[in-house]
């Protein structure tokens, strides 16, 4: 596996973990406003999901390129 792909995987995993940690920690900051808490948690989860999709797409693209024609 190329170093560039490993770096990209690490990058996206860090961002996914950052956004999930943010979603988890929001309860302590917004206990008085359920609407604000829900809004911010959904933003954080949406951002985590976006990076997860980019991660899966990068791995899938690498795997598609590494499979010789006729072996799919």
PDB file of N, CA and C in Angstrom:
ATOM      1  N   UNK A   1       0.847  -1.170   0.000  1.00  0.00           N
ATOM      2  CA  UNK A   1       0.000   0.000   0.000  1.00  0.00           C
ATOM      3  C   UNK A   1       0.897   1.238   0.000  1.00  0.00           C
ATOM      4  N   UNK A   2       0.612   2.185  -0.894  1.00  0.00           N
ATOM      5  CA  UNK A   2       1.455   3.380  -0.976  1.00  0.00           C
ATOM      6  C   UNK A   2       1.359   4.253   0.276  1.00  0.00           C
ATOM      7  N   UNK A   3       2.436   4.941   0.570  1.00  0.00           N
ATOM      8  CA  UNK A   3       2.480   5.825   1.743  1.00  0.00           C
ATOM      9  C   UNK A   3       1.442   6.939   1.644  1.00  0.00           C
ATOM     10  N   UNK A   4       1.172   7.411   0.436  1.00  0.00           N
ATOM     11  CA  UNK A   4       0.183   8.470   0.250  1.00  0.00           C
ATOM     12  C   UNK A   4      -1.199   8.012   0.683  1.00  0.00           C
ATOM     13  N   UNK A   5      -1.538   6.755   0.358  1.00  0.00           N
ATOM     14  CA  UNK A   5      -2.843   6.223   0.760  1.00  0.00           C
ATOM     15  C   UNK A   5      -2.916   6.070   2.268  1.00  0.00           C
ATOM     16  N   UNK A   6      -1.834   5.584   2.876  1.00  0.00           N
ATOM     17  CA  UNK A   6      -1.816   5.469   4.338  1.00  0.00           C
ATOM     18  C   UNK A   6      -1.969   6.829   5.007  1.00  0.00           C
ATOM     19  N   UNK A   7      -1.322   7.839   4.440  1.00  0.00           N
ATOM     20  CA  UNK A   7      -1.446   9.191   4.991  1.00  0.00           C
ATOM     21  C   UNK A   7      -2.879   9.700   4.845  1.00  0.00           C
ATOM     22  N   UNK A   8      -3.507   9.417   3.722  1.00  0.00           N
ATOM     23  CA  UNK A   8      -4.885   9.842   3.507  1.00  0.00           C
ATOM     24  C   UNK A   8      -5.843   9.124   4.454  1.00  0.00           C
ATOM     25  N   UNK A   9      -5.626   7.842   4.662  1.00  0.00           N
ATOM     26  CA  UNK A   9      -6.450   7.076   5.605  1.00  0.00           C
ATOM     27  C   UNK A   9      -6.296   7.646   7.011  1.00  0.00           C
ATOM     28  N   UNK A  10      -5.068   7.927   7.400  1.00  0.00           N
ATOM     29  CA  UNK A  10      -4.815   8.508   8.724  1.00  0.00           C
ATOM     30  C   UNK A  10      -5.505   9.856   8.860  1.00  0.00           C
ATOM     31  N   UNK A  11      -5.407  10.676   7.834  1.00  0.00           N
ATOM     32  CA  UNK A  11      -6.032  11.999   7.835  1.00  0.00           C
ATOM     33  C   UNK A  11      -7.547  11.886   8.058  1.00  0.00           C
ATOM     34  N   UNK A  12      -8.196  11.057   7.276  1.00  0.00           N
ATOM     35  CA  UNK A  12      -9.650  10.933   7.394  1.00  0.00           C
ATOM     36  C   UNK A  12     -10.064  10.294   8.721  1.00  0.00           C
ATOM     37  N   UNK A  13      -9.317   9.314   9.188  1.00  0.00           N
ATOM     38  CA  UNK A  13      -9.637   8.688  10.481  1.00  0.00           C
ATOM     39  C   UNK A  13      -9.517   9.693  11.627  1.00  0.00           C
ATOM     40  N   UNK A  14      -8.511  10.537  11.570  1.00  0.00           N
ATOM     41  CA  UNK A  14      -8.368  11.566  12.614  1.00  0.00           C
ATOM     42  C   UNK A  14      -9.553  12.517  12.615  1.00  0.00           C
ATOM     43  N   UNK A  15      -9.987  12.940  11.408  1.00  0.00           N
ATOM     44  CA  UNK A  15     -11.125  13.855  11.341  1.00  0.00           C
ATOM     45  C   UNK A  15     -12.417  13.176  11.790  1.00  0.00           C
ATOM     46  N   UNK A  16     -12.617  11.921  11.404  1.00  0.00           N
ATOM     47  CA  UNK A  16     -13.808  11.187  11.861  1.00  0.00           C
ATOM     48  C   UNK A  16     -13.802  11.137  13.384  1.00  0.00           C
ATOM     49  N   UNK A  17     -12.680  10.771  13.976  1.00  0.00           N
ATOM     50  CA  UNK A  17     -12.591  10.700  15.441  1.00  0.00           C
ATOM     51  C   UNK A  17     -12.799  12.062  16.085  1.00  0.00           C
ATOM     52  N   UNK A  18     -12.280  13.114  15.468  1.00  0.00           N
ATOM     53  CA  UNK A  18     -12.459  14.470  15.998  1.00  0.00           C
ATOM     54  C   UNK A  18     -13.931  14.844  16.023  1.00  0.00           C
ATOM     55  N   UNK A  19     -14.626  14.606  14.930  1.00  0.00           N
ATOM     56  CA  UNK A  19     -16.046  14.967  14.868  1.00  0.00           C
ATOM     57  C   UNK A  19     -16.896  14.104  15.797  1.00  0.00           C
ATOM     58  N   UNK A  20     -16.572  12.834  15.930  1.00  0.00           N
ATOM     59  CA  UNK A  20     -17.324  11.982  16.862  1.00  0.00           C
ATOM     60  C   UNK A  20     -17.088  12.411  18.304  1.00  0.00           C
ATOM     61  N   UNK A  21     -15.858  12.767  18.629  1.00  0.00           N
ATOM     62  CA  UNK A  21     -15.571  13.262  19.979  1.00  0.00           C
ATOM     63  C   UNK A  21     -16.303  14.570  20.240  1.00  0.00           C
ATOM     64  N   UNK A  22     -16.370  15.424  19.222  1.00  0.00           N
ATOM     65  CA  UNK A  22     -17.096  16.690  19.362  1.00  0.00           C
ATOM     66  C   UNK A  22     -18.578  16.417  19.625  1.00  0.00           C
ATOM     67  N   UNK A  23     -19.161  15.505  18.869  1.00  0.00           N
ATOM     68  CA  UNK A  23     -20.579  15.170  19.072  1.00  0.00           C
ATOM     69  C   UNK A  23     -20.812  14.639  20.477  1.00  0.00           C
ATOM     70  N   UNK A  24     -19.888  13.841  20.959  1.00  0.00           N
ATOM     71  CA  UNK A  24     -20.019  13.259  22.294  1.00  0.00           C
ATOM     72  C   UNK A  24     -19.880  14.310  23.392  1.00  0.00           C
ATOM     73  N   UNK A  25     -19.058  15.308  23.182  1.00  0.00           N
ATOM     74  CA  UNK A  25     -18.796  16.293  24.226  1.00  0.00           C
ATOM     75  C   UNK A  25     -19.812  17.432  24.266  1.00  0.00           C
ATOM     76  N   UNK A  26     -20.658  17.530  23.267  1.00  0.00           N
ATOM     77  CA  UNK A  26     -21.579  18.664  23.203  1.00  0.00           C
ATOM     78  C   UNK A  26     -22.615  18.670  24.314  1.00  0.00           C
ATOM     79  N   UNK A  27     -22.908  17.529  24.874  1.00  0.00           N
ATOM     80  CA  UNK A  27     -23.912  17.470  25.942  1.00  0.00           C
ATOM     81  C   UNK A  27     -23.515  18.349  27.123  1.00  0.00           C
ATOM     82  N   UNK A  28     -22.252  18.347  27.450  1.00  0.00           N
ATOM     83  CA  UNK A  28     -21.805  19.126  28.611  1.00  0.00           C
ATOM     84  C   UNK A  28     -21.862  20.626  28.361  1.00  0.00           C
ATOM     85  N   UNK A  29     -21.860  21.042  27.093  1.00  0.00           N
ATOM     86  CA  UNK A  29     -21.863  22.465  26.773  1.00  0.00           C
ATOM     87  C   UNK A  29     -23.263  23.029  26.518  1.00  0.00           C
ATOM     88  N   UNK A  30     -24.214  22.170  26.171  1.00  0.00           N
ATOM     89  CA  UNK A  30     -25.535  22.657  25.768  1.00  0.00           C
ATOM     90  C   UNK A  30     -26.660  21.935  26.503  1.00  0.00           C
ATOM     91  N   UNK A  31     -26.524  21.760  27.778  1.00  0.00           N
ATOM     92  CA  UNK A  31     -27.559  21.066  28.554  1.00  0.00           C
ATOM     93  C   UNK A  31     -28.855  21.860  28.645  1.00  0.00           C
ATOM     94  N   UNK A  32     -28.760  23.170  28.551  1.00  0.00           N
ATOM     95  CA  UNK A  32     -29.942  24.010  28.715  1.00  0.00           C
ATOM     96  C   UNK A  32     -30.745  24.176  27.419  1.00  0.00           C
ATOM     97  N   UNK A  33     -30.190  23.838  26.287  1.00  0.00           N
ATOM     98  CA  UNK A  33     -30.878  24.028  25.012  1.00  0.00           C
ATOM     99  C   UNK A  33     -30.824  22.745  24.183  1.00  0.00           C
ATOM    100  N   UNK A  34     -31.906  21.982  24.235  1.00  0.00           N
ATOM    101  CA  UNK A  34     -31.973  20.718  23.493  1.00  0.00           C
ATOM    102  C   UNK A  34     -31.883  20.970  21.981  1.00  0.00           C
ATOM    103  N   UNK A  35     -32.527  22.018  21.510  1.00  0.00           N
ATOM    104  CA  UNK A  35     -32.506  22.314  20.077  1.00  0.00           C
ATOM    105  C   UNK A  35     -31.083  22.602  19.598  1.00  0.00           C
ATOM    106  N   UNK A  36     -30.347  23.406  20.339  1.00  0.00           N
ATOM    107  CA  UNK A  36     -28.963  23.730  19.962  1.00  0.00           C
ATOM    108  C   UNK A  36     -28.083  22.493  20.023  1.00  0.00           C
ATOM    109  N   UNK A  37     -28.268  21.670  21.027  1.00  0.00           N
ATOM    110  CA  UNK A  37     -27.499  20.424  21.151  1.00  0.00           C
ATOM    111  C   UNK A  37     -27.763  19.517  19.962  1.00  0.00           C
ATOM    112  N   UNK A  38     -29.041  19.335  19.612  1.00  0.00           N
ATOM    113  CA  UNK A  38     -29.379  18.478  18.469  1.00  0.00           C
ATOM    114  C   UNK A  38     -28.761  19.008  17.180  1.00  0.00           C
ATOM    115  N   UNK A  39     -28.854  20.296  16.974  1.00  0.00           N
ATOM    116  CA  UNK A  39     -28.323  20.910  15.756  1.00  0.00           C
ATOM    117  C   UNK A  39     -26.819  20.693  15.633  1.00  0.00           C
ATOM    118  N   UNK A  40     -26.096  20.937  16.720  1.00  0.00           N
ATOM    119  CA  UNK A  40     -24.638  20.806  16.680  1.00  0.00           C
ATOM    120  C   UNK A  40     -24.191  19.350  16.583  1.00  0.00           C
ATOM    121  N   UNK A  41     -24.902  18.452  17.249  1.00  0.00           N
ATOM    122  CA  UNK A  41     -24.567  17.025  17.143  1.00  0.00           C
ATOM    123  C   UNK A  41     -24.772  16.551  15.712  1.00  0.00           C
ATOM    124  N   UNK A  42     -25.859  16.967  15.094  1.00  0.00           N
ATOM    125  CA  UNK A  42     -26.099  16.555  13.710  1.00  0.00           C
ATOM    126  C   UNK A  42     -25.041  17.105  12.761  1.00  0.00           C
ATOM    127  N   UNK A  43     -24.596  18.337  12.974  1.00  0.00           N
ATOM    128  CA  UNK A  43     -23.501  18.871  12.165  1.00  0.00           C
ATOM    129  C   UNK A  43     -22.238  18.025  12.335  1.00  0.00           C
ATOM    130  N   UNK A  44     -21.892  17.711  13.566  1.00  0.00           N
ATOM    131  CA  UNK A  44     -20.677  16.926  13.822  1.00  0.00           C
ATOM    132  C   UNK A  44     -20.779  15.534  13.210  1.00  0.00           C
ATOM    133  N   UNK A  45     -21.943  14.894  13.342  1.00  0.00           N
ATOM    134  CA  UNK A  45     -22.115  13.554  12.780  1.00  0.00           C
ATOM    135  C   UNK A  45     -22.107  13.584  11.255  1.00  0.00           C
ATOM    136  N   UNK A  46     -22.675  14.627  10.668  1.00  0.00           N
ATOM    137  CA  UNK A  46     -22.654  14.765   9.212  1.00  0.00           C
ATOM    138  C   UNK A  46     -21.227  14.952   8.708  1.00  0.00           C
ATOM    139  N   UNK A  47     -20.440  15.743   9.419  1.00  0.00           N
ATOM    140  CA  UNK A  47     -19.037  15.928   9.034  1.00  0.00           C
ATOM    141  C   UNK A  47     -18.252  14.624   9.166  1.00  0.00           C
ATOM    142  N   UNK A  48     -18.505  13.873  10.235  1.00  0.00           N
ATOM    143  CA  UNK A  48     -17.837  12.578  10.410  1.00  0.00           C
ATOM    144  C   UNK A  48     -18.212  11.632   9.276  1.00  0.00           C
ATOM    145  N   UNK A  49     -19.481  11.622   8.917  1.00  0.00           N
ATOM    146  CA  UNK A  49     -19.938  10.755   7.830  1.00  0.00           C
ATOM    147  C   UNK A  49     -19.292  11.137   6.504  1.00  0.00           C
ATOM    148  N   UNK A  50     -19.162  12.437   6.254  1.00  0.00           N
ATOM    149  CA  UNK A  50     -18.530  12.892   5.009  1.00  0.00           C
ATOM    150  C   UNK A  50     -17.088  12.394   4.917  1.00  0.00           C
ATOM    151  N   UNK A  51     -16.348  12.496   6.001  1.00  0.00           N
ATOM    152  CA  UNK A  51     -14.966  12.000   5.983  1.00  0.00           C
ATOM    153  C   UNK A  51     -14.931  10.484   5.860  1.00  0.00           C
ATOM    154  N   UNK A  52     -15.902   9.803   6.438  1.00  0.00           N
ATOM    155  CA  UNK A  52     -15.967   8.352   6.297  1.00  0.00           C
ATOM    156  C   UNK A  52     -16.201   7.977   4.838  1.00  0.00           C
ATOM    157  N   UNK A  53     -17.070   8.698   4.153  1.00  0.00           N
ATOM    158  CA  UNK A  53     -17.303   8.429   2.733  1.00  0.00           C
ATOM    159  C   UNK A  53     -16.047   8.693   1.909  1.00  0.00           C
ATOM    160  N   UNK A  54     -15.332   9.764   2.219  1.00  0.00           N
ATOM    161  CA  UNK A  54     -14.084  10.043   1.510  1.00  0.00           C
ATOM    162  C   UNK A  54     -13.050   8.949   1.759  1.00  0.00           C
ATOM    163  N   UNK A  55     -13.003   8.453   2.966  1.00  0.00           N
ATOM    164  CA  UNK A  55     -12.081   7.373   3.319  1.00  0.00           C
ATOM    165  C   UNK A  55     -12.401   6.113   2.517  1.00  0.00           C
ATOM    166  N   UNK A  56     -13.656   5.724   2.524  1.00  0.00           N
ATOM    167  CA  UNK A  56     -14.071   4.525   1.783  1.00  0.00           C
ATOM    168  C   UNK A  56     -13.824   4.714   0.280  1.00  0.00           C
ATOM    169  N   UNK A  57     -14.115   5.894  -0.231  1.00  0.00           N
ATOM    170  CA  UNK A  57     -13.884   6.165  -1.647  1.00  0.00           C
ATOM    171  C   UNK A  57     -12.420   6.075  -2.037  1.00  0.00           C
ATOM    172  N   UNK A  58     -11.548   6.580  -1.177  1.00  0.00           N
ATOM    173  CA  UNK A  58     -10.111   6.512  -1.470  1.00  0.00           C
ATOM    174  C   UNK A  58      -9.621   5.068  -1.488  1.00  0.00           C
ATOM    175  N   UNK A  59     -10.071   4.285  -0.538  1.00  0.00           N
ATOM    176  CA  UNK A  59      -9.661   2.872  -0.494  1.00  0.00           C
ATOM    177  C   UNK A  59     -10.228   2.115  -1.692  1.00  0.00           C
ATOM    178  N   UNK A  60     -11.493   2.370  -2.015  1.00  0.00           N
ATOM    179  CA  UNK A  60     -12.116   1.694  -3.164  1.00  0.00           C
ATOM    180  C   UNK A  60     -11.400   2.056  -4.464  1.00  0.00           C
ATOM    181  N   UNK A  61     -11.042   3.329  -4.624  1.00  0.00           N
ATOM    182  CA  UNK A  61     -10.336   3.744  -5.834  1.00  0.00           C
ATOM    183  C   UNK A  61      -8.987   3.055  -5.933  1.00  0.00           C
ATOM    184  N   UNK A  62      -8.285   2.955  -4.828  1.00  0.00           N
ATOM    185  CA  UNK A  62      -6.988   2.271  -4.842  1.00  0.00           C
ATOM    186  C   UNK A  62      -7.167   0.799  -5.223  1.00  0.00           C
ATOM    187  N   UNK A  63      -8.158   0.153  -4.628  1.00  0.00           N
ATOM    188  CA  UNK A  63      -8.372  -1.267  -4.913  1.00  0.00           C
ATOM    189  C   UNK A  63      -8.793  -1.485  -6.359  1.00  0.00           C
ATOM    190  N   UNK A  64      -9.611  -0.599  -6.911  1.00  0.00           N
ATOM    191  CA  UNK A  64     -10.011  -0.741  -8.310  1.00  0.00           C
ATOM    192  C   UNK A  64      -8.818  -0.564  -9.245  1.00  0.00           C
ATOM    193  N   UNK A  65      -7.927   0.349  -8.921  1.00  0.00           N
ATOM    194  CA  UNK A  65      -6.761   0.577  -9.766  1.00  0.00           C
ATOM    195  C   UNK A  65      -5.766  -0.580  -9.668  1.00  0.00           C
ATOM    196  N   UNK A  66      -5.723  -1.259  -8.518  1.00  0.00           N
ATOM    197  CA  UNK A  66      -4.732  -2.301  -8.322  1.00  0.00           C
ATOM    198  C   UNK A  66      -5.165  -3.651  -8.872  1.00  0.00           C
ATOM    199  N   UNK A  67      -6.436  -3.810  -9.250  1.00  0.00           N
ATOM    200  CA  UNK A  67      -6.916  -5.068  -9.822  1.00  0.00           C
ATOM    201  C   UNK A  67      -6.728  -5.022 -11.337  1.00  0.00           C
ATOM    202  N   UNK A  68      -5.961  -5.945 -11.889  1.00  0.00           N
ATOM    203  CA  UNK A  68      -5.742  -5.956 -13.344  1.00  0.00           C
ATOM    204  C   UNK A  68      -7.060  -6.165 -14.111  1.00  0.00           C
ATOM    205  N   UNK A  69      -7.125  -5.649 -15.326  1.00  0.00           N
ATOM    206  CA  UNK A  69      -8.325  -5.813 -16.161  1.00  0.00           C
ATOM    207  C   UNK A  69      -8.583  -7.293 -16.394  1.00  0.00           C
ATOM    208  N   UNK A  70      -9.850  -7.659 -16.393  1.00  0.00           N
ATOM    209  CA  UNK A  70     -10.208  -9.052 -16.615  1.00  0.00           C
ATOM    210  C   UNK A  70     -10.277  -9.876 -15.348  1.00  0.00           C
ATOM    211  N   UNK A  71      -9.872  -9.325 -14.202  1.00  0.00           N
ATOM    212  CA  UNK A  71      -9.920 -10.093 -12.952  1.00  0.00           C
ATOM    213  C   UNK A  71     -11.012  -9.576 -12.027  1.00  0.00           C
ATOM    214  N   UNK A  72     -11.867  -8.718 -12.493  1.00  0.00           N
ATOM    215  CA  UNK A  72     -12.926  -8.154 -11.659  1.00  0.00           C
ATOM    216  C   UNK A  72     -14.103  -9.056 -11.582  1.00  0.00           C
TER     217      UNK A  72
END
